[in-house]
Amino acid sequence: MSGASFLEPGMWVRHPAAPDWGRGQVQSVIGSRVTVNFEHAGKVVIDNSRVALEWISTCE
């Protein structure tokens, strides 16, 4: 899946180009702008029209 249309607050994601950021929990989605709180990078706003965040299950 790509694009922000499937993302909702509370979902867990990874940034494909920054695996060292760890898991991130989606905080908000406004258009293609997604705010994610990553384990090792903190809160980051991502343009999901440029970066396709990868959904992960909560048990990973």
N, C-alpha and C. Protein backbone atom coordinates (compact mmCIF):
# COMPACT_ATOMS: atom_id res chain seq x y z
N MET A 1 0.84 -1.19 0.00
CA MET A 1 0.00 0.00 0.00
C MET A 1 0.88 1.24 0.00
N SER A 2 0.41 2.27 -0.65
CA SER A 2 1.15 3.53 -0.60
C SER A 2 0.16 4.67 -0.53
N GLY A 3 0.66 5.84 -0.18
CA GLY A 3 -0.20 6.99 -0.01
C GLY A 3 -0.79 7.02 1.38
N ALA A 4 -1.27 8.18 1.77
CA ALA A 4 -1.77 8.35 3.13
C ALA A 4 -3.20 7.86 3.31
N SER A 5 -3.87 7.46 2.24
CA SER A 5 -5.29 7.14 2.34
C SER A 5 -5.59 5.99 3.30
N PHE A 6 -4.66 5.07 3.48
CA PHE A 6 -4.92 3.93 4.37
C PHE A 6 -4.46 4.20 5.80
N LEU A 7 -3.71 5.26 6.03
CA LEU A 7 -3.16 5.53 7.36
C LEU A 7 -4.18 6.20 8.27
N GLU A 8 -4.16 5.78 9.52
CA GLU A 8 -5.04 6.37 10.54
C GLU A 8 -4.24 6.52 11.82
N PRO A 9 -4.59 7.49 12.65
CA PRO A 9 -3.91 7.63 13.94
C PRO A 9 -3.96 6.32 14.72
N GLY A 10 -2.83 5.99 15.33
CA GLY A 10 -2.72 4.76 16.10
C GLY A 10 -2.03 3.63 15.36
N MET A 11 -1.99 3.71 14.02
CA MET A 11 -1.34 2.66 13.24
C MET A 11 0.18 2.74 13.43
N TRP A 12 0.84 1.59 13.27
CA TRP A 12 2.30 1.51 13.37
C TRP A 12 2.89 1.42 11.98
N VAL A 13 3.97 2.18 11.75
CA VAL A 13 4.61 2.24 10.43
C VAL A 13 6.13 2.24 10.58
N ARG A 14 6.80 2.06 9.46
CA ARG A 14 8.25 2.24 9.36
C ARG A 14 8.52 3.17 8.19
N HIS A 15 9.63 3.91 8.28
CA HIS A 15 10.08 4.75 7.16
C HIS A 15 11.05 3.88 6.37
N PRO A 16 10.76 3.60 5.10
CA PRO A 16 11.59 2.66 4.33
C PRO A 16 13.04 3.11 4.16
N ALA A 17 13.31 4.40 4.17
CA ALA A 17 14.67 4.90 3.98
C ALA A 17 15.38 5.18 5.30
N ALA A 18 14.70 4.97 6.42
CA ALA A 18 15.29 5.26 7.72
C ALA A 18 14.94 4.16 8.73
N PRO A 19 15.41 2.94 8.50
CA PRO A 19 15.07 1.85 9.41
C PRO A 19 15.59 2.08 10.83
N ASP A 20 16.63 2.89 10.98
CA ASP A 20 17.18 3.17 12.31
C ASP A 20 16.25 4.02 13.16
N TRP A 21 15.21 4.61 12.56
CA TRP A 21 14.22 5.38 13.32
C TRP A 21 13.34 4.46 14.15
N GLY A 22 13.29 3.18 13.80
CA GLY A 22 12.45 2.23 14.52
C GLY A 22 10.99 2.32 14.12
N ARG A 23 10.15 1.70 14.93
CA ARG A 23 8.71 1.75 14.67
C ARG A 23 8.21 3.16 14.95
N GLY A 24 7.16 3.54 14.24
CA GLY A 24 6.54 4.83 14.48
C GLY A 24 5.04 4.68 14.58
N GLN A 25 4.44 5.45 15.47
CA GLN A 25 2.98 5.42 15.58
C GLN A 25 2.42 6.69 14.97
N VAL A 26 1.47 6.51 14.05
CA VAL A 26 0.83 7.64 13.38
C VAL A 26 0.05 8.46 14.41
N GLN A 27 0.33 9.76 14.45
CA GLN A 27 -0.35 10.67 15.38
C GLN A 27 -1.51 11.38 14.69
N SER A 28 -1.28 11.82 13.43
CA SER A 28 -2.34 12.51 12.69
C SER A 28 -2.08 12.39 11.19
N VAL A 29 -3.16 12.50 10.41
CA VAL A 29 -3.09 12.48 8.96
C VAL A 29 -3.94 13.63 8.44
N ILE A 30 -3.28 14.57 7.75
CA ILE A 30 -3.99 15.71 7.16
C ILE A 30 -3.55 15.79 5.70
N GLY A 31 -4.43 15.35 4.82
CA GLY A 31 -4.05 15.26 3.41
C GLY A 31 -2.93 14.25 3.26
N SER A 32 -1.82 14.65 2.64
CA SER A 32 -0.68 13.74 2.49
C SER A 32 0.35 13.94 3.60
N ARG A 33 0.07 14.85 4.53
CA ARG A 33 1.01 15.10 5.64
C ARG A 33 0.66 14.20 6.82
N VAL A 34 1.64 13.38 7.19
CA VAL A 34 1.44 12.41 8.26
C VAL A 34 2.42 12.72 9.39
N THR A 35 1.93 12.89 10.59
CA THR A 35 2.79 13.08 11.75
C THR A 35 2.95 11.73 12.42
N VAL A 36 4.23 11.34 12.59
CA VAL A 36 4.54 10.03 13.15
C VAL A 36 5.50 10.22 14.32
N ASN A 37 5.27 9.51 15.40
CA ASN A 37 6.16 9.53 16.55
C ASN A 37 7.00 8.25 16.50
N PHE A 38 8.28 8.39 16.08
CA PHE A 38 9.18 7.26 15.93
C PHE A 38 9.93 6.98 17.23
N GLU A 39 10.26 5.71 17.47
CA GLU A 39 10.95 5.28 18.68
C GLU A 39 12.29 6.01 18.87
N HIS A 40 13.05 6.16 17.79
CA HIS A 40 14.41 6.70 17.91
C HIS A 40 14.61 8.04 17.22
N ALA A 41 13.57 8.60 16.63
CA ALA A 41 13.69 9.89 15.93
C ALA A 41 12.71 10.92 16.46
N GLY A 42 11.78 10.50 17.31
CA GLY A 42 10.78 11.42 17.84
C GLY A 42 9.70 11.72 16.82
N LYS A 43 9.06 12.86 17.00
CA LYS A 43 7.93 13.24 16.16
C LYS A 43 8.44 13.84 14.85
N VAL A 44 7.95 13.28 13.73
CA VAL A 44 8.38 13.70 12.39
C VAL A 44 7.14 13.88 11.53
N VAL A 45 7.09 14.97 10.74
CA VAL A 45 6.01 15.19 9.77
C VAL A 45 6.54 14.74 8.41
N ILE A 46 5.81 13.84 7.77
CA ILE A 46 6.23 13.23 6.51
C ILE A 46 5.21 13.52 5.43
N ASP A 47 5.70 13.88 4.24
CA ASP A 47 4.83 14.04 3.07
C ASP A 47 4.69 12.66 2.45
N ASN A 48 3.56 12.03 2.70
CA ASN A 48 3.36 10.66 2.25
C ASN A 48 3.11 10.56 0.74
N SER A 49 3.05 11.69 0.04
CA SER A 49 3.00 11.61 -1.42
C SER A 49 4.40 11.41 -1.97
N ARG A 50 5.43 11.64 -1.15
CA ARG A 50 6.83 11.45 -1.55
C ARG A 50 7.46 10.22 -0.90
N VAL A 51 7.00 9.88 0.30
CA VAL A 51 7.54 8.73 1.03
C VAL A 51 6.39 7.80 1.36
N ALA A 52 6.48 6.57 0.88
CA ALA A 52 5.43 5.58 1.16
C ALA A 52 5.79 4.85 2.45
N LEU A 53 5.18 5.28 3.53
CA LEU A 53 5.41 4.62 4.82
C LEU A 53 4.90 3.19 4.73
N GLU A 54 5.60 2.30 5.42
CA GLU A 54 5.24 0.89 5.40
C GLU A 54 4.47 0.54 6.66
N TRP A 55 3.26 0.00 6.50
CA TRP A 55 2.46 -0.43 7.63
C TRP A 55 3.10 -1.66 8.24
N ILE A 56 3.12 -1.72 9.59
CA ILE A 56 3.61 -2.90 10.28
C ILE A 56 2.57 -3.31 11.32
N SER A 57 2.58 -4.58 11.66
CA SER A 57 1.65 -5.03 12.69
C SER A 57 2.21 -4.63 14.06
N THR A 58 1.38 -4.57 15.05
CA THR A 58 1.81 -4.14 16.38
C THR A 58 2.68 -5.18 17.05
N CYS A 59 2.73 -6.41 16.54
CA CYS A 59 3.51 -7.44 17.19
C CYS A 59 4.93 -7.55 16.64
N GLU A 60 5.33 -6.72 15.71
CA GLU A 60 6.70 -6.77 15.17
C GLU A 60 7.68 -6.16 16.13
